[in-house]
Amino acid sequence: MSQKGLWDSQDHGLGNRSDAAGVANSRGLGSNEAATGPNVGLKPPPGAPLALRMTPTDFDEFFGQEELMGPGKALRKMVEEDKIVSMLFWGPPGTGKTALARLIASKTRSYFKELSAVTSGVQDVRQVVAFAKEVRKAGRRTILFLDEIHRFTKAQQDALLPHVENGTITLIGATTENPYFSVNSALLSRMRVFRFEHLSPSDIRTMLERAISDPERGLAGGEKGSGKRPGIEVEDKALEHIVGYSKGDGRTALNVLEALYNAGDVTEGKKVLTLDKALEVTQSPVLFYDKTGDQHYDIISAYIKSMRGSDPDAALYWLARMLQSGEDPRYVARRLVICASEDVGLADPMALVLAESAFRAAEHLGMPEARIPLAQATVYVALAPKSNSAYLAVDRALQDVKERPAYPVPAHLRGTGYYGAQKLGHGDGYLYPHDYPKHYVEQQYLPKELQGTRYFEPSENDRPFRRNSESGSTNSSQNTGPNKNKP
């Protein structure tokens, strides 16, 4: 079997030999394989992109993810000691998931196979499993790296389960999607999940500088022919622009650097990479936003929390991120309406009115004009006084509804607008508030079993909405009598 893997084609053929030496020889490896690992000969194919050529081969070349790969951290120790267990790398693109898999490939004494869920299927998995079973007879393990594992269907993922369970393969998966939604729970329970974060600007900068200075794998290493290669001169502002443009994606940063190098002019024997040329190459910023993935939920969450926290600048930034990335402005407007009611509520009821108006305006206008009413309402909601008293009150009532019996409506509150209602006593004893001073009279509205229950507790910002009974407006002594025929 020939598999298109991390480093071009990998041969799985074993012939009839199942002993360790036979397996080693079938892969063209020498007798010292046990000391050097079976994957050390793997190299990027000729003409590989810069991002692939700069694949880390040691820990000091791996950037970012200090919480995972810093000295003494659990994941690093697993790699150093070659005690690899099934695991899942989850994080945004260009954060080192595949790079770490390649680093493991260069360090481990296990056989390392790669599949991409985009182009592979169950038959490819079976071939890797067959290979793993053969080398296992000689006491060797096999690690399968499955990139984009979330692209496998649930049924395809199920095909991996028994082989991970019995140790035939050690599975390393990589995904940009939340694995708790996209990976079978049975498979996920047998893997350790490691969360990758965007690379810091300093990590991106160091990565770019290494690509510039490395004569073999770096920018100059991609030049064809054996003639003299031009030197490289890079404006500092060009590097700063690439760092900012990449938004924490190392692969994007290296790809832009390579494109800039290819487009650069040779001046006095040097390739000069300028800011002006970098701006030409990039044209517009890359925004990390997947309308069906984690970024969709993370950014809308940051937007709402910024408004709740009364930070209009942060709220406007997250709003801009969503709109610039093509998010439906109506989706943003719906969340804005919810925030205006949930987090501002009775402290400033106009927030809901303005948010609803912004929603309607966004529907009628569309982008790009919709950004203006959305921004206006966003700033208003962020700066408005906050109260979640109504939100908490309805949740308390819902909890009682769920946990307690469905108590009957008190007779004096029942409807009287149909024939026979009076004979049933519906409405008897009802006090019509408008017949009383200040249009208020105290009476029981809850079922008798809930008498005295209080769901609504006004916050300090709800002063205009205090209960009438608390503000002294009740005057039951001036009662003019019940009006049970009012609806």
Protein backbone atom coordinates (compact mmCIF):
# COMPACT_ATOMS: atom_id res chain seq x y z
CA MET A 1 0.00 0.00 0.00
CA SER A 2 1.32 3.44 -0.88
CA GLN A 3 -0.10 6.23 1.24
CA LYS A 4 0.12 9.92 0.55
CA GLY A 5 1.30 11.18 3.90
CA LEU A 6 3.02 14.05 5.61
CA TRP A 7 6.13 13.68 3.54
CA ASP A 8 4.83 12.49 0.16
CA SER A 9 4.48 8.71 -0.40
CA GLN A 10 5.02 6.17 2.36
CA ASP A 11 5.26 2.47 1.58
CA HIS A 12 3.27 0.11 3.79
CA GLY A 13 4.35 -3.06 2.01
CA LEU A 14 5.71 -5.74 4.31
CA GLY A 15 6.04 -8.70 2.04
CA ASN A 16 6.15 -11.99 3.95
CA ARG A 17 8.44 -10.76 6.72
CA SER A 18 6.96 -10.08 10.11
CA ASP A 19 10.08 -9.95 12.30
CA ALA A 20 11.51 -6.58 13.37
CA ALA A 21 14.49 -6.79 11.02
CA GLY A 22 12.28 -7.71 8.10
CA VAL A 23 9.96 -4.82 8.80
CA ALA A 24 12.89 -2.45 9.01
CA ASN A 25 14.41 -3.70 5.76
CA SER A 26 11.08 -3.51 3.96
CA ARG A 27 11.15 0.23 4.64
CA GLY A 28 14.72 0.61 3.51
CA LEU A 29 15.98 1.21 7.05
CA GLY A 30 19.28 0.15 8.46
CA SER A 31 20.00 -2.08 11.43
CA ASN A 32 20.44 0.93 13.73
CA GLU A 33 16.74 1.83 13.36
CA ALA A 34 16.01 1.06 17.01
CA ALA A 35 18.35 3.84 18.04
CA THR A 36 17.24 6.44 15.53
CA GLY A 37 13.54 5.72 15.01
CA PRO A 38 11.77 4.38 11.93
CA ASN A 39 10.67 7.77 10.59
CA VAL A 40 13.95 9.72 10.58
CA GLY A 41 14.34 9.42 6.82
CA LEU A 42 11.10 11.25 6.14
CA LYS A 43 11.78 14.57 4.43
CA PRO A 44 9.61 17.17 2.74
CA PRO A 45 9.26 16.45 -1.00
CA PRO A 46 11.18 18.60 -3.50
CA GLY A 47 9.57 21.98 -4.07
CA ALA A 48 7.61 21.82 -0.81
CA PRO A 49 6.15 25.11 0.46
CA LEU A 50 8.09 27.07 3.05
CA ALA A 51 5.62 26.16 5.80
CA LEU A 52 6.31 22.45 5.20
CA ARG A 53 10.09 22.91 4.88
CA MET A 54 10.14 24.70 8.24
CA THR A 55 8.45 21.81 10.03
CA PRO A 56 10.10 21.58 13.47
CA THR A 57 12.50 18.72 13.96
CA ASP A 58 13.25 19.45 17.60
CA PHE A 59 11.59 21.10 20.58
CA ASP A 60 13.53 24.36 20.22
CA GLU A 61 11.99 24.78 16.75
CA PHE A 62 8.41 24.35 17.99
CA PHE A 63 6.80 27.68 18.80
CA GLY A 64 3.84 28.45 21.02
CA GLN A 65 1.67 26.19 23.20
CA GLU A 66 3.89 26.68 26.24
CA GLU A 67 1.14 25.28 28.47
CA LEU A 68 1.41 22.01 26.56
CA MET A 69 5.00 21.85 25.30
CA GLY A 70 6.98 23.88 27.82
CA PRO A 71 9.75 22.08 29.73
CA GLY A 72 8.29 19.58 32.19
CA LYS A 73 4.77 19.78 30.77
CA ALA A 74 2.86 16.50 30.42
CA LEU A 75 2.58 16.44 26.63
CA ARG A 76 6.25 17.25 26.12
CA LYS A 77 7.29 14.50 28.53
CA MET A 78 5.14 12.03 26.63
CA VAL A 79 6.96 12.93 23.41
CA GLU A 80 10.42 12.99 25.00
CA GLU A 81 9.92 9.61 26.65
CA ASP A 82 8.13 8.15 23.60
CA LYS A 83 5.12 7.24 25.70
CA ILE A 84 2.52 8.40 23.22
CA VAL A 85 -1.13 7.71 24.02
CA SER A 86 -4.16 8.33 21.84
CA MET A 87 -4.83 12.05 21.84
CA LEU A 88 -6.65 14.81 20.04
CA PHE A 89 -5.19 18.19 19.09
CA TRP A 90 -7.92 20.82 18.94
CA GLY A 91 -7.38 24.42 17.95
CA PRO A 92 -7.45 27.06 15.22
CA PRO A 93 -5.55 26.60 11.93
CA GLY A 94 -1.81 27.21 11.95
CA THR A 95 -1.25 26.73 15.68
CA GLY A 96 1.05 23.71 15.52
CA LYS A 97 -1.24 20.67 15.56
CA THR A 98 0.21 19.07 12.44
CA ALA A 99 3.67 20.42 13.24
CA LEU A 100 3.62 18.62 16.58
CA ALA A 101 2.48 15.43 14.87
CA ARG A 102 5.49 15.72 12.56
CA LEU A 103 7.76 16.35 15.53
CA ILE A 104 6.43 13.18 17.12
CA ALA A 105 7.13 11.37 13.84
CA SER A 106 10.78 12.42 14.04
CA LYS A 107 11.13 11.40 17.68
CA THR A 108 9.16 8.22 18.15
CA ARG A 109 10.40 4.67 17.65
CA SER A 110 6.89 3.71 16.60
CA TYR A 111 5.87 3.60 12.98
CA PHE A 112 4.07 6.78 12.03
CA LYS A 113 1.30 6.87 9.42
CA GLU A 114 -0.81 9.77 8.32
CA LEU A 115 -4.26 10.06 6.79
CA SER A 116 -6.35 13.09 6.01
CA ALA A 117 -10.05 12.66 6.68
CA VAL A 118 -10.69 14.91 3.68
CA THR A 119 -9.31 12.40 1.17
CA SER A 120 -9.35 9.08 3.05
CA GLY A 121 -11.96 6.56 4.10
CA VAL A 122 -12.52 3.36 6.06
CA GLN A 123 -10.55 1.29 3.52
CA ASP A 124 -7.44 3.43 4.18
CA VAL A 125 -7.90 2.94 7.91
CA ARG A 126 -8.12 -0.82 7.42
CA GLN A 127 -4.85 -0.84 5.49
CA VAL A 128 -3.07 1.04 8.28
CA VAL A 129 -4.58 -1.36 10.84
CA ALA A 130 -3.34 -4.35 8.81
CA PHE A 131 0.14 -2.83 8.77
CA ALA A 132 -0.05 -2.16 12.53
CA LYS A 133 -1.04 -5.75 13.26
CA GLU A 134 1.97 -7.07 11.34
CA VAL A 135 4.56 -4.84 13.00
CA ARG A 136 2.95 -5.48 16.38
CA LYS A 137 4.04 -9.11 16.06
CA ALA A 138 7.60 -7.82 16.13
CA GLY A 139 6.88 -5.69 19.19
CA ARG A 140 6.55 -2.38 17.35
CA ARG A 141 3.75 0.13 17.75
CA THR A 142 2.03 2.19 15.05
CA ILE A 143 0.83 5.75 15.45
CA LEU A 144 -1.89 6.92 13.08
CA PHE A 145 -2.19 10.67 12.65
CA LEU A 146 -5.63 11.55 11.30
CA ASP A 147 -5.83 15.15 10.21
CA GLU A 148 -9.23 16.90 10.05
CA ILE A 149 -10.75 14.03 12.03
CA HIS A 150 -14.05 15.91 12.28
CA ARG A 151 -14.52 15.32 8.53
CA PHE A 152 -15.02 11.61 9.20
CA THR A 153 -18.65 10.64 9.64
CA LYS A 154 -19.75 9.00 12.88
CA ALA A 155 -19.70 5.62 11.11
CA GLN A 156 -16.16 6.19 9.84
CA GLN A 157 -15.04 7.21 13.32
CA ASP A 158 -16.59 4.02 14.68
CA ALA A 159 -14.20 2.04 12.44
CA LEU A 160 -11.30 3.39 14.52
CA LEU A 161 -12.79 2.55 17.89
CA PRO A 162 -11.92 -1.17 18.34
CA HIS A 163 -8.33 -0.66 17.16
CA VAL A 164 -7.77 2.25 19.54
CA GLU A 165 -9.46 0.24 22.29
CA ASN A 166 -7.20 -2.81 21.93
CA GLY A 167 -4.02 -0.82 21.26
CA THR A 168 -3.46 -1.93 17.67
CA ILE A 169 -2.97 1.73 16.77
CA THR A 170 -2.27 4.84 18.79
CA LEU A 171 -4.49 7.51 17.30
CA ILE A 172 -3.57 11.18 17.11
CA GLY A 173 -6.36 13.30 15.69
CA ALA A 174 -6.30 16.96 14.72
CA THR A 175 -9.34 19.17 14.37
CA THR A 176 -10.32 22.82 14.16
CA GLU A 177 -13.86 21.98 15.32
CA ASN A 178 -15.08 21.44 18.86
CA PRO A 179 -14.48 17.69 19.36
CA TYR A 180 -17.24 17.44 21.93
CA PHE A 181 -19.65 18.07 19.05
CA SER A 182 -17.79 16.56 16.11
CA VAL A 183 -16.13 13.41 17.48
CA ASN A 184 -17.93 10.31 18.76
CA SER A 185 -18.11 10.36 22.54
CA ALA A 186 -16.96 6.71 22.73
CA LEU A 187 -13.84 7.51 20.70
CA LEU A 188 -13.26 10.80 22.51
CA SER A 189 -13.34 9.06 25.90
CA ARG A 190 -10.32 7.01 24.81
CA MET A 191 -8.27 10.06 23.80
CA ARG A 192 -6.69 12.91 25.71
CA VAL A 193 -7.79 16.27 24.37
CA PHE A 194 -5.19 19.04 24.12
CA ARG A 195 -6.36 22.57 23.30
CA PHE A 196 -4.11 24.67 21.04
CA GLU A 197 -4.27 28.47 21.09
CA HIS A 198 -3.27 31.10 18.54
CA LEU A 199 0.46 31.81 18.49
CA SER A 200 1.64 34.99 20.17
CA PRO A 201 3.08 37.82 18.04
CA SER A 202 6.55 37.12 19.46
CA ASP A 203 6.30 33.46 18.46
CA ILE A 204 5.22 34.42 14.93
CA ARG A 205 8.08 36.90 14.67
CA THR A 206 10.66 34.34 15.81
CA MET A 207 9.28 31.82 13.33
CA LEU A 208 9.62 34.32 10.47
CA GLU A 209 13.15 35.28 11.45
CA ARG A 210 14.18 31.63 11.54
CA ALA A 211 12.70 31.09 8.07
CA ILE A 212 14.71 34.06 6.78
CA SER A 213 18.01 32.97 8.33
CA ASP A 214 17.89 29.19 7.71
CA PRO A 215 20.01 28.60 4.57
CA GLU A 216 18.77 25.06 3.93
CA ARG A 217 15.07 24.97 4.79
CA GLY A 218 14.27 28.68 4.84
CA LEU A 219 13.41 31.15 2.09
CA ALA A 220 16.63 30.67 0.16
CA GLY A 221 16.29 26.90 0.48
CA GLY A 222 13.39 26.98 -1.93
CA GLU A 223 15.45 28.43 -4.76
CA LYS A 224 15.91 26.04 -7.69
CA GLY A 225 19.34 25.31 -9.07
CA SER A 226 22.75 25.29 -7.42
CA GLY A 227 23.84 28.78 -8.41
CA LYS A 228 24.59 31.58 -6.00
CA ARG A 229 21.51 32.57 -4.07
CA PRO A 230 20.77 36.24 -3.42
CA GLY A 231 20.92 37.56 0.11
CA ILE A 232 17.76 38.64 1.86
CA GLU A 233 16.99 42.07 3.28
CA VAL A 234 13.68 42.53 5.10
CA GLU A 235 12.20 45.80 6.31
CA ASP A 236 11.22 45.56 9.96
CA LYS A 237 7.82 47.08 9.21
CA ALA A 238 7.21 44.35 6.63
CA LEU A 239 7.72 41.73 9.32
CA GLU A 240 5.44 43.65 11.69
CA HIS A 241 2.75 43.70 9.02
CA ILE A 242 2.99 39.94 8.45
CA VAL A 243 2.80 39.30 12.20
CA GLY A 244 -0.34 41.41 12.51
CA TYR A 245 -1.89 40.03 9.35
CA SER A 246 -1.45 36.40 10.36
CA LYS A 247 -3.60 36.79 13.52
CA GLY A 248 -1.69 34.05 15.35
CA ASP A 249 -1.62 31.57 12.42
CA GLY A 250 1.94 30.39 11.85
CA ARG A 251 1.16 28.76 8.52
CA THR A 252 -0.40 31.95 7.17
CA ALA A 253 2.63 33.94 8.31
CA LEU A 254 5.08 31.62 6.53
CA ASN A 255 2.94 31.50 3.39
CA VAL A 256 2.81 35.30 3.23
CA LEU A 257 6.57 35.53 3.81
CA GLU A 258 7.18 33.07 0.96
CA ALA A 259 4.84 34.99 -1.35
CA LEU A 260 6.60 38.22 -0.44
CA TYR A 261 9.97 36.65 -1.17
CA ASN A 262 8.81 35.41 -4.56
CA ALA A 263 7.43 38.86 -5.41
CA GLY A 264 10.42 40.75 -4.03
CA ASP A 265 12.88 42.68 -6.21
CA VAL A 266 16.59 41.95 -6.37
CA THR A 267 18.65 45.04 -5.62
CA GLU A 268 22.45 44.91 -5.57
CA GLY A 269 22.44 41.14 -5.23
CA LYS A 270 19.82 41.07 -2.45
CA LYS A 271 16.15 40.17 -2.36
CA VAL A 272 14.57 43.20 -0.70
CA LEU A 273 11.26 42.58 1.09
CA THR A 274 9.52 45.89 1.72
CA LEU A 275 6.37 46.96 3.54
CA ASP A 276 4.86 48.29 0.31
CA LYS A 277 5.31 44.92 -1.36
CA ALA A 278 3.92 43.16 1.72
CA LEU A 279 0.78 45.32 1.51
CA GLU A 280 0.42 44.37 -2.14
CA VAL A 281 0.73 40.68 -1.34
CA THR A 282 -1.73 40.63 1.54
CA GLN A 283 -4.32 43.09 0.18
CA SER A 284 -6.81 42.47 2.99
CA PRO A 285 -6.62 40.91 6.45
CA VAL A 286 -7.48 37.28 7.08
CA LEU A 287 -10.16 36.94 9.76
CA PHE A 288 -10.55 33.73 11.75
CA TYR A 289 -14.26 33.18 11.75
CA ASP A 290 -16.17 30.05 10.89
CA LYS A 291 -19.90 30.67 10.91
CA THR A 292 -20.54 27.05 11.91
CA GLY A 293 -17.60 26.50 14.23
CA ASP A 294 -16.03 27.61 17.50
CA GLN A 295 -15.19 31.14 16.35
CA HIS A 296 -18.84 31.79 15.60
CA TYR A 297 -19.81 31.08 19.20
CA ASP A 298 -16.68 32.49 20.83
CA ILE A 299 -16.91 35.89 19.14
CA ILE A 300 -20.64 36.36 19.69
CA SER A 301 -20.03 35.41 23.32
CA ALA A 302 -17.28 38.03 23.60
CA TYR A 303 -19.60 40.60 21.97
CA ILE A 304 -22.42 39.98 24.46
CA LYS A 305 -20.10 39.88 27.47
CA SER A 306 -18.50 43.17 26.41
CA MET A 307 -21.92 44.86 26.31
CA ARG A 308 -22.89 43.27 29.62
CA GLY A 309 -19.62 44.54 31.07
CA SER A 310 -20.30 48.11 29.82
CA ASP A 311 -17.29 48.23 27.47
CA PRO A 312 -18.48 49.85 24.21
CA ASP A 313 -15.03 49.71 22.59
CA ALA A 314 -14.67 45.94 23.02
CA ALA A 315 -18.27 45.42 21.92
CA LEU A 316 -17.66 47.44 18.74
CA TYR A 317 -14.49 45.46 18.00
CA TRP A 318 -16.27 42.09 18.23
CA LEU A 319 -19.16 43.50 16.20
CA ALA A 320 -16.70 44.58 13.50
CA ARG A 321 -15.03 41.15 13.53
CA MET A 322 -18.35 39.46 12.83
CA LEU A 323 -19.55 41.88 10.17
CA GLN A 324 -16.21 41.96 8.34
CA SER A 325 -16.18 38.15 8.29
CA GLY A 326 -19.57 37.99 6.59
CA GLU A 327 -21.78 37.14 9.54
CA ASP A 328 -25.50 37.69 8.91
CA PRO A 329 -26.29 41.07 10.53
CA ARG A 330 -29.71 39.73 11.54
CA TYR A 331 -28.02 37.09 13.69
CA VAL A 332 -26.00 39.81 15.43
CA ALA A 333 -29.15 41.93 15.84
CA ARG A 334 -31.04 39.07 17.49
CA ARG A 335 -28.30 38.65 20.07
CA LEU A 336 -28.31 42.41 20.59
CA VAL A 337 -32.06 42.36 21.33
CA ILE A 338 -31.57 39.51 23.83
CA CYS A 339 -28.77 41.38 25.60
CA ALA A 340 -30.85 44.57 25.79
CA SER A 341 -33.61 42.69 27.58
CA GLU A 342 -31.56 40.24 29.65
CA ASP A 343 -28.74 42.52 30.82
CA VAL A 344 -30.22 46.05 30.70
CA GLY A 345 -33.85 45.19 31.24
CA LEU A 346 -35.79 47.43 33.60
CA ALA A 347 -32.78 49.65 34.30
CA ASP A 348 -33.37 51.29 30.90
CA PRO A 349 -36.31 49.89 28.90
CA MET A 350 -35.37 52.10 25.93
CA ALA A 351 -32.41 49.78 25.29
CA LEU A 352 -34.81 47.08 24.10
CA VAL A 353 -36.70 49.58 21.94
CA LEU A 354 -33.47 50.76 20.29
CA ALA A 355 -32.15 47.21 19.84
CA GLU A 356 -35.40 46.12 18.21
CA SER A 357 -35.29 49.19 15.94
CA ALA A 358 -31.71 48.30 14.97
CA PHE A 359 -32.87 44.77 14.17
CA ARG A 360 -35.60 46.08 11.84
CA ALA A 361 -33.23 48.58 10.25
CA ALA A 362 -30.62 45.87 9.60
CA GLU A 363 -33.30 43.74 7.92
CA HIS A 364 -34.36 46.60 5.64
CA LEU A 365 -30.92 48.02 4.89
CA GLY A 366 -28.61 45.04 4.62
CA MET A 367 -24.84 45.42 4.63
CA PRO A 368 -22.84 47.59 4.62
CA GLU A 369 -25.33 50.20 5.91
CA ALA A 370 -26.68 47.83 8.58
CA ARG A 371 -23.44 48.32 10.49
CA ILE A 372 -24.54 51.85 11.47
CA PRO A 373 -27.76 51.11 13.42
CA LEU A 374 -26.12 47.99 14.86
CA ALA A 375 -23.20 50.08 16.12
CA GLN A 376 -25.57 52.72 17.55
CA ALA A 377 -27.58 50.14 19.47
CA THR A 378 -24.42 48.31 20.57
CA VAL A 379 -22.97 51.45 22.15
CA TYR A 380 -26.31 52.30 23.79
CA VAL A 381 -26.70 48.85 25.34
CA ALA A 382 -23.08 48.83 26.50
CA LEU A 383 -23.39 52.24 28.20
CA ALA A 384 -26.88 51.71 29.65
CA PRO A 385 -27.30 50.89 33.37
CA LYS A 386 -27.61 47.17 33.89
CA SER A 387 -30.22 44.97 35.54
CA ASN A 388 -31.05 41.29 35.05
CA SER A 389 -33.95 41.26 37.52
CA ALA A 390 -36.59 40.34 34.93
CA TYR A 391 -34.38 37.57 33.51
CA LEU A 392 -33.81 36.08 36.96
CA ALA A 393 -37.47 36.43 37.88
CA VAL A 394 -38.81 34.45 34.92
CA ASP A 395 -36.24 31.70 35.49
CA ARG A 396 -37.36 31.39 39.11
CA ALA A 397 -40.97 31.10 37.96
CA LEU A 398 -40.01 28.51 35.33
CA GLN A 399 -38.22 26.46 37.97
CA ASP A 400 -41.40 26.36 40.09
CA VAL A 401 -43.47 25.40 37.04
CA LYS A 402 -41.11 22.51 36.31
CA GLU A 403 -40.76 21.25 39.86
CA ARG A 404 -44.23 21.81 41.35
CA PRO A 405 -47.72 20.63 40.38
CA ALA A 406 -49.83 22.63 37.94
CA TYR A 407 -51.94 24.44 40.53
CA PRO A 408 -55.46 25.53 39.52
CA VAL A 409 -56.20 29.16 38.67
CA PRO A 410 -57.94 30.86 41.65
CA ALA A 411 -61.67 31.18 41.03
CA HIS A 412 -61.71 35.00 41.18
CA LEU A 413 -59.11 35.17 38.38
CA ARG A 414 -60.82 32.79 35.98
CA GLY A 415 -62.34 33.99 32.73
CA THR A 416 -65.94 35.21 32.67
CA GLY A 417 -66.38 35.74 28.94
CA TYR A 418 -68.27 32.56 28.13
CA TYR A 419 -71.73 31.16 28.91
CA GLY A 420 -72.07 29.48 32.31
CA ALA A 421 -68.93 31.02 33.80
CA GLN A 422 -70.92 32.92 36.44
CA LYS A 423 -72.74 29.78 37.54
CA LEU A 424 -69.35 28.18 38.11
CA GLY A 425 -68.34 31.08 40.35
CA HIS A 426 -65.68 32.37 37.97
CA GLY A 427 -64.72 35.94 38.76
CA ASP A 428 -66.41 36.02 42.17
CA GLY A 429 -64.46 38.31 44.48
CA TYR A 430 -62.24 39.83 41.79
CA LEU A 431 -61.22 43.42 42.58
CA TYR A 432 -60.90 45.61 39.46
CA PRO A 433 -57.77 47.77 40.09
CA HIS A 434 -59.04 50.76 38.07
CA ASP A 435 -61.93 51.16 40.52
CA TYR A 436 -59.44 52.00 43.27
CA PRO A 437 -57.26 55.02 44.02
CA LYS A 438 -54.02 55.08 42.03
CA HIS A 439 -55.43 52.11 40.08
CA TYR A 440 -54.11 49.60 42.56
CA VAL A 441 -55.68 47.22 45.04
CA GLU A 442 -54.03 44.41 46.91
CA GLN A 443 -55.35 40.92 46.23
CA GLN A 444 -54.01 37.41 45.69
CA TYR A 445 -53.02 36.59 42.11
CA LEU A 446 -50.92 33.45 42.64
CA PRO A 447 -52.41 30.03 43.37
CA LYS A 448 -53.01 29.67 47.09
CA GLU A 449 -50.23 27.07 47.31
CA LEU A 450 -47.74 29.74 46.19
CA GLN A 451 -49.10 32.60 48.26
CA GLY A 452 -46.27 34.85 49.42
CA THR A 453 -43.82 33.62 46.75
CA ARG A 454 -41.70 36.37 45.20
CA TYR A 455 -40.07 35.81 41.85
CA PHE A 456 -39.27 39.41 40.98
CA GLU A 457 -36.62 41.03 43.16
CA PRO A 458 -35.85 44.52 41.83
CA SER A 459 -32.23 45.51 41.59
CA GLU A 460 -30.84 48.84 42.73
CA ASN A 461 -31.22 50.09 39.15
CA ASP A 462 -34.93 49.20 39.01
CA ARG A 463 -36.16 51.97 41.33
CA PRO A 464 -38.88 53.32 38.97
CA PHE A 465 -40.32 49.80 38.87
CA ARG A 466 -40.73 49.07 42.59
CA ARG A 467 -43.85 47.22 43.56
CA ASN A 468 -46.86 49.42 44.28
CA SER A 469 -47.20 47.75 47.66
CA GLU A 470 -43.67 48.94 48.50
CA SER A 471 -44.10 52.50 47.27
CA GLY A 472 -47.12 53.25 49.48
CA SER A 473 -49.62 53.64 46.64
CA THR A 474 -51.96 50.97 47.98
CA ASN A 475 -55.04 52.23 49.79
CA SER A 476 -57.40 49.35 50.37
CA SER A 477 -59.54 51.33 52.86
CA GLN A 478 -60.97 53.36 49.98
CA ASN A 479 -62.23 50.22 48.35
CA THR A 480 -65.38 50.89 46.30
CA GLY A 481 -66.24 47.23 45.90
CA PRO A 482 -65.53 44.42 43.51
CA ASN A 483 -66.35 44.43 39.81
CA LYS A 484 -66.37 40.78 38.92
CA ASN A 485 -67.60 41.33 35.37
CA LYS A 486 -64.36 43.01 34.23
CA PRO A 487 -62.22 40.72 32.04
